[in-house]
Structure formats: C-alpha cells, structure tokens
C-alpha cells in the first residue's frame, strides 16, 4: 500500500487521553493529531519520538492531522489500523498468504451493510464453494523481540468470536489473521500475562477450531506491505 501524499514529520510533545497528540512540526508549529491506535500500557507514544502525519481533508474535523506512523528509534511502526483490509487484500492477491489461504482463490470483503456478517472482514471461497471467514487485526505490543497477544477483549471482539463460531458450525473454516505493522519483532507469542480473560477466551476458541495466522510487514516512509508469515509461539 503506497501513501497517496507525502508524510509530514514532527516530534511528539504530549498525549491526551490516548487519543490526541501534540506534535511539533519541523517549522516549529505545534499541531494536534489523532491517534488511530490506543497507547496500550504507554508502549507506543513517547515524547520526542518522530511522528509521521497526514493532514485531514475533512474541514469539519477539530483535529486537523492523523498520525500514520511513529519511529521509536528501532524501526517504523505503522499505527493506522483502518488500512488493515487493504494490506490483507494485497497480501492475498500476491500469494504471500498461500500457506494459510492458498486453497481459496476468491475473496470478498464484507461491508458494513452486510446483514448476516457484521464483525468479520472477509469471505474466502474456492471453486467448489468451500468457504473460510477471516477477521483481520493489527497487533503492536512487544516484549523483548516478540510481538505478544492478546492484550484486550471488548464486546465487539466477543461478538466477532461468536460469529466465527457460527461459521464453523455451518461447516466453514474460520481464521483470525494478525498483522504486525512493525519491523522489530522476530516472532509472535500467545501470552497470558497481559489480559488473562482475553487469553482464556481466545484459547477456548482455538481448541474449538478457530485458526490463527500472523504476518509481518515492511514499513517505510512511502509504503506498507505484508511480507511474510510469522511463527506463533505458545
């Protein structure tokens, strides 16, 4: 995925309610930028690190900029989760996910107005009409050299897991595809120490047939793309 416009760089000077950044631009101006991804356990946004912004085209917004990436000194981290579906579609089209999804050759992105499927992101299908349903999530939380999950669970995610369970009951495969939009992690690890309730719920679904896969990304100042499959350690 290529950025349509050049990114604007600045230094983070403050964070409010895990939602709004104060960013000092190179010309000295202080602007406010929306954080698309929450600052889990203060792991993402630190004062004086570099932020990469785009300017919103919506003049009605009170916050005129959106933070797309940050640089903590050990590699770029792409934080705008709204592009996760684009990344998945590109990775699927380029065959990068063939180990997990190579048996499927048709992809349908599920829109918000779908009456039956309100939480999953994609329906995959082969020529025999076998189907798989996929929920895509970005993960960011790092321990040592590993990206770790799960960190939270909310009502939407509980409904998503129920929806995937229903698809398995109907004879289809179900997946959660984790995307790691940062370059400083070697493997992914399922952990219990961040949110035991979330871990227990996800582990229960895995025992009942839910499949997990995880993919790393190449992140630079011009583009973001899925590059390869990551190991998931337990």
Protein backbone atom coordinates (compact mmCIF):
# COMPACT_ATOMS: atom_id res chain seq x y z
CA UNK A 1 0.00 0.00 0.00
CA UNK A 2 1.53 3.30 -1.11
CA UNK A 3 0.76 6.59 0.58
CA UNK A 4 -1.14 8.98 -1.65
CA UNK A 5 0.59 12.06 -0.21
CA UNK A 6 3.99 12.66 1.39
CA UNK A 7 4.00 12.26 5.15
CA UNK A 8 4.59 15.25 7.42
CA UNK A 9 7.16 14.67 10.16
CA UNK A 10 7.37 16.14 13.64
CA UNK A 11 8.25 15.39 17.26
CA UNK A 12 5.67 14.24 19.81
CA UNK A 13 5.30 16.75 22.64
CA UNK A 14 2.30 15.40 24.52
CA UNK A 15 -0.55 12.86 24.57
CA UNK A 16 -4.09 13.41 25.84
CA UNK A 17 -6.40 10.53 26.86
CA UNK A 18 -4.60 8.12 24.48
CA UNK A 19 -6.35 9.94 21.64
CA UNK A 20 -4.73 13.25 20.70
CA UNK A 21 -1.05 14.03 20.16
CA UNK A 22 0.68 17.39 20.30
CA UNK A 23 3.28 17.31 17.53
CA UNK A 24 5.93 19.94 16.83
CA UNK A 25 6.49 20.21 13.09
CA UNK A 26 9.85 20.96 11.51
CA UNK A 27 8.88 24.66 11.14
CA UNK A 28 8.21 24.90 14.90
CA UNK A 29 4.40 24.87 14.73
CA UNK A 30 2.52 22.73 17.26
CA UNK A 31 -0.40 20.80 15.74
CA UNK A 32 -2.86 18.24 17.10
CA UNK A 33 -3.02 14.77 15.56
CA UNK A 34 -5.50 11.95 16.08
CA UNK A 35 -4.06 8.61 17.26
CA UNK A 36 -5.79 5.77 15.38
CA UNK A 37 -4.32 3.15 17.72
CA UNK A 38 -4.62 3.39 21.51
CA UNK A 39 -1.45 3.76 23.57
CA UNK A 40 -1.51 0.35 25.24
CA UNK A 41 0.48 0.48 28.52
CA UNK A 42 2.32 3.57 27.24
CA UNK A 43 4.18 1.43 24.72
CA UNK A 44 3.64 3.50 21.57
CA UNK A 45 3.69 7.26 22.04
CA UNK A 46 6.63 8.81 23.85
CA UNK A 47 7.65 12.45 23.95
CA UNK A 48 10.35 13.45 21.45
CA UNK A 49 9.95 10.43 19.16
CA UNK A 50 9.19 11.10 15.50
CA UNK A 51 5.60 11.03 14.29
CA UNK A 52 4.52 10.85 10.65
CA UNK A 53 1.28 12.66 9.91
CA UNK A 54 -1.19 13.26 7.14
CA UNK A 55 -3.43 16.31 7.03
CA UNK A 56 -7.14 15.57 7.09
CA UNK A 57 -9.15 16.63 4.06
CA UNK A 58 -12.28 16.98 6.18
CA UNK A 59 -12.51 20.66 7.16
CA UNK A 60 -15.14 19.82 9.80
CA UNK A 61 -12.59 17.98 11.94
CA UNK A 62 -11.43 19.82 15.04
CA UNK A 63 -8.19 17.82 14.93
CA UNK A 64 -6.56 18.58 11.61
CA UNK A 65 -3.98 15.78 11.38
CA UNK A 66 -3.87 12.00 11.65
CA UNK A 67 -0.82 10.12 12.91
CA UNK A 68 0.06 7.32 10.48
CA UNK A 69 3.44 6.10 11.78
CA UNK A 70 5.89 6.59 14.60
CA UNK A 71 9.62 5.96 14.89
CA UNK A 72 10.82 4.94 18.35
CA UNK A 73 14.40 4.52 17.19
CA UNK A 74 14.28 0.78 16.48
CA UNK A 75 12.12 0.84 13.36
CA UNK A 76 8.96 2.40 11.98
CA UNK A 77 5.58 1.38 13.40
CA UNK A 78 2.51 1.88 11.18
CA UNK A 79 -0.35 2.63 13.54
CA UNK A 80 -3.38 3.33 11.34
CA UNK A 81 -5.42 0.14 11.71
CA UNK A 82 -8.01 1.40 9.18
CA UNK A 83 -5.81 0.13 6.35
CA UNK A 84 -5.66 -3.46 7.61
CA UNK A 85 -8.14 -4.71 5.00
CA UNK A 86 -6.14 -3.16 2.17
CA UNK A 87 -2.99 -4.86 3.44
CA UNK A 88 -4.78 -8.22 3.65
CA UNK A 89 -6.21 -7.91 0.13
CA UNK A 90 -2.79 -7.06 -1.31
CA UNK A 91 -1.08 -9.91 0.56
CA UNK A 92 -3.75 -12.37 -0.59
CA UNK A 93 -3.51 -11.21 -4.21
CA UNK A 94 0.30 -11.52 -4.24
CA UNK A 95 0.23 -15.07 -2.85
CA UNK A 96 2.11 -14.17 0.34
CA UNK A 97 -0.56 -15.93 2.41
CA UNK A 98 -0.65 -19.10 0.32
CA UNK A 99 0.42 -21.32 3.23
CA UNK A 100 -2.77 -20.42 5.08
CA UNK A 101 -5.18 -19.43 2.32
CA UNK A 102 -3.75 -20.99 -0.84
CA UNK A 103 -6.74 -23.27 -1.26
CA UNK A 104 -9.02 -20.27 -1.78
CA UNK A 105 -8.99 -18.22 -4.98
CA UNK A 106 -11.92 -15.86 -4.49
CA UNK A 107 -12.08 -13.08 -1.91
CA UNK A 108 -15.00 -10.89 -0.83
CA UNK A 109 -14.59 -8.00 1.57
CA UNK A 110 -17.57 -7.89 3.89
CA UNK A 111 -19.08 -4.42 4.04
CA UNK A 112 -20.72 -2.69 6.96
CA UNK A 113 -24.18 -3.09 5.46
CA UNK A 114 -23.98 -6.90 5.33
CA UNK A 115 -26.98 -8.17 7.30
CA UNK A 116 -25.59 -11.63 8.12
CA UNK A 117 -21.92 -10.87 8.86
CA UNK A 118 -21.34 -7.76 10.95
CA UNK A 119 -17.96 -8.46 12.56
CA UNK A 120 -15.68 -10.47 10.28
CA UNK A 121 -13.78 -8.84 7.42
CA UNK A 122 -13.52 -11.36 4.56
CA UNK A 123 -15.17 -14.34 2.99
CA UNK A 124 -12.81 -16.61 1.02
CA UNK A 125 -14.10 -19.23 -1.40
CA UNK A 126 -12.69 -21.88 -3.71
CA UNK A 127 -14.13 -23.23 -6.98
CA UNK A 128 -16.04 -25.93 -5.05
CA UNK A 129 -17.71 -23.23 -2.95
CA UNK A 130 -15.88 -24.19 0.24
CA UNK A 131 -15.60 -21.07 2.39
CA UNK A 132 -13.44 -19.51 5.06
CA UNK A 133 -14.21 -16.42 7.12
CA UNK A 134 -11.44 -14.13 8.30
CA UNK A 135 -11.18 -11.42 10.92
CA UNK A 136 -8.10 -9.21 10.49
CA UNK A 137 -6.44 -7.41 13.41
CA UNK A 138 -3.29 -5.33 13.81
CA UNK A 139 -1.18 -6.10 16.88
CA UNK A 140 1.53 -3.84 18.32
CA UNK A 141 2.52 -4.92 21.81
CA UNK A 142 6.12 -6.02 22.10
CA UNK A 143 8.00 -7.95 24.79
CA UNK A 144 11.70 -8.37 24.04
CA UNK A 145 11.97 -9.37 20.39
CA UNK A 146 8.43 -10.79 20.19
CA UNK A 147 5.06 -9.33 19.36
CA UNK A 148 2.61 -10.56 22.00
CA UNK A 149 -1.16 -11.02 22.14
CA UNK A 150 -3.96 -10.87 23.24
CA UNK A 151 -3.97 -7.59 25.13
CA UNK A 152 -7.66 -6.73 25.36
CA UNK A 153 -11.09 -8.07 24.62
CA UNK A 154 -14.21 -5.98 24.15
CA UNK A 155 -17.86 -6.51 23.27
CA UNK A 156 -17.18 -6.24 19.53
CA UNK A 157 -14.50 -8.93 19.71
CA UNK A 158 -16.76 -11.23 21.73
CA UNK A 159 -19.41 -10.85 19.04
CA UNK A 160 -16.77 -11.49 16.36
CA UNK A 161 -15.71 -14.75 18.04
CA UNK A 162 -19.35 -15.81 18.25
CA UNK A 163 -19.81 -15.04 14.56
CA UNK A 164 -16.77 -17.12 13.62
CA UNK A 165 -18.05 -19.96 15.82
CA UNK A 166 -21.35 -19.85 13.93
CA UNK A 167 -19.48 -20.10 10.62
CA UNK A 168 -17.66 -23.21 11.87
CA UNK A 169 -20.99 -24.71 12.95
CA UNK A 170 -22.16 -24.18 9.36
CA UNK A 171 -19.20 -26.18 8.06
CA UNK A 172 -16.79 -23.39 7.12
CA UNK A 173 -13.27 -22.56 8.27
CA UNK A 174 -12.64 -19.55 10.49
CA UNK A 175 -9.46 -17.51 10.95
CA UNK A 176 -8.08 -14.59 12.88
CA UNK A 177 -5.28 -13.11 10.80
CA UNK A 178 -2.87 -10.97 12.84
CA UNK A 179 -0.88 -8.27 11.05
CA UNK A 180 2.28 -6.90 12.65
CA UNK A 181 2.89 -3.45 11.11
CA UNK A 182 6.37 -3.02 12.59
CA UNK A 183 9.79 -4.45 11.70
CA UNK A 184 11.39 -5.01 15.11
CA UNK A 185 9.82 -8.34 16.10
CA UNK A 186 11.08 -11.82 15.28
CA UNK A 187 8.11 -13.98 16.31
CA UNK A 188 4.57 -13.70 17.67
CA UNK A 189 3.67 -15.21 21.04
CA UNK A 190 0.36 -16.04 22.70
CA UNK A 191 0.68 -14.84 26.31
CA UNK A 192 -1.47 -14.94 29.45
CA UNK A 193 0.10 -12.07 31.37
CA UNK A 194 -1.45 -9.10 29.54
CA UNK A 195 -5.12 -9.99 29.85
CA UNK A 196 -5.90 -13.46 31.26
CA UNK A 197 -9.62 -13.16 30.46
CA UNK A 198 -8.91 -12.38 26.79
CA UNK A 199 -6.33 -15.17 26.65
CA UNK A 200 -8.72 -17.72 28.15
CA UNK A 201 -11.49 -16.80 25.72
CA UNK A 202 -9.23 -16.93 22.67
CA UNK A 203 -7.65 -20.20 23.81
CA UNK A 204 -11.10 -21.74 24.18
CA UNK A 205 -11.98 -20.78 20.61
CA UNK A 206 -8.69 -22.18 19.28
CA UNK A 207 -9.45 -25.52 20.95
CA UNK A 208 -12.83 -25.46 19.19
CA UNK A 209 -11.40 -25.00 15.69
CA UNK A 210 -10.53 -21.31 15.29
CA UNK A 211 -7.29 -20.91 13.32
CA UNK A 212 -4.69 -18.19 13.90
CA UNK A 213 -2.09 -16.88 11.47
CA UNK A 214 0.28 -13.95 11.70
CA UNK A 215 2.17 -11.86 9.12
CA UNK A 216 4.94 -9.29 9.35
CA UNK A 217 5.17 -6.10 7.31
CA UNK A 218 7.70 -3.94 5.55
CA UNK A 219 7.20 -0.35 6.71
CA UNK A 220 8.90 2.67 5.18
CA UNK A 221 8.12 6.33 4.56
CA UNK A 222 6.44 5.62 1.21
CA UNK A 223 4.59 2.33 1.64
CA UNK A 224 3.48 -0.52 3.90
CA UNK A 225 3.12 -4.11 2.75
CA UNK A 226 2.75 -7.61 4.19
CA UNK A 227 5.95 -9.55 3.57
CA UNK A 228 5.98 -12.98 5.22
CA UNK A 229 4.38 -15.39 7.64
CA UNK A 230 5.45 -15.18 11.29
CA UNK A 231 5.66 -18.08 13.73
CA UNK A 232 3.17 -18.06 16.57
CA UNK A 233 4.67 -19.41 19.80
CA UNK A 234 2.64 -20.69 22.75
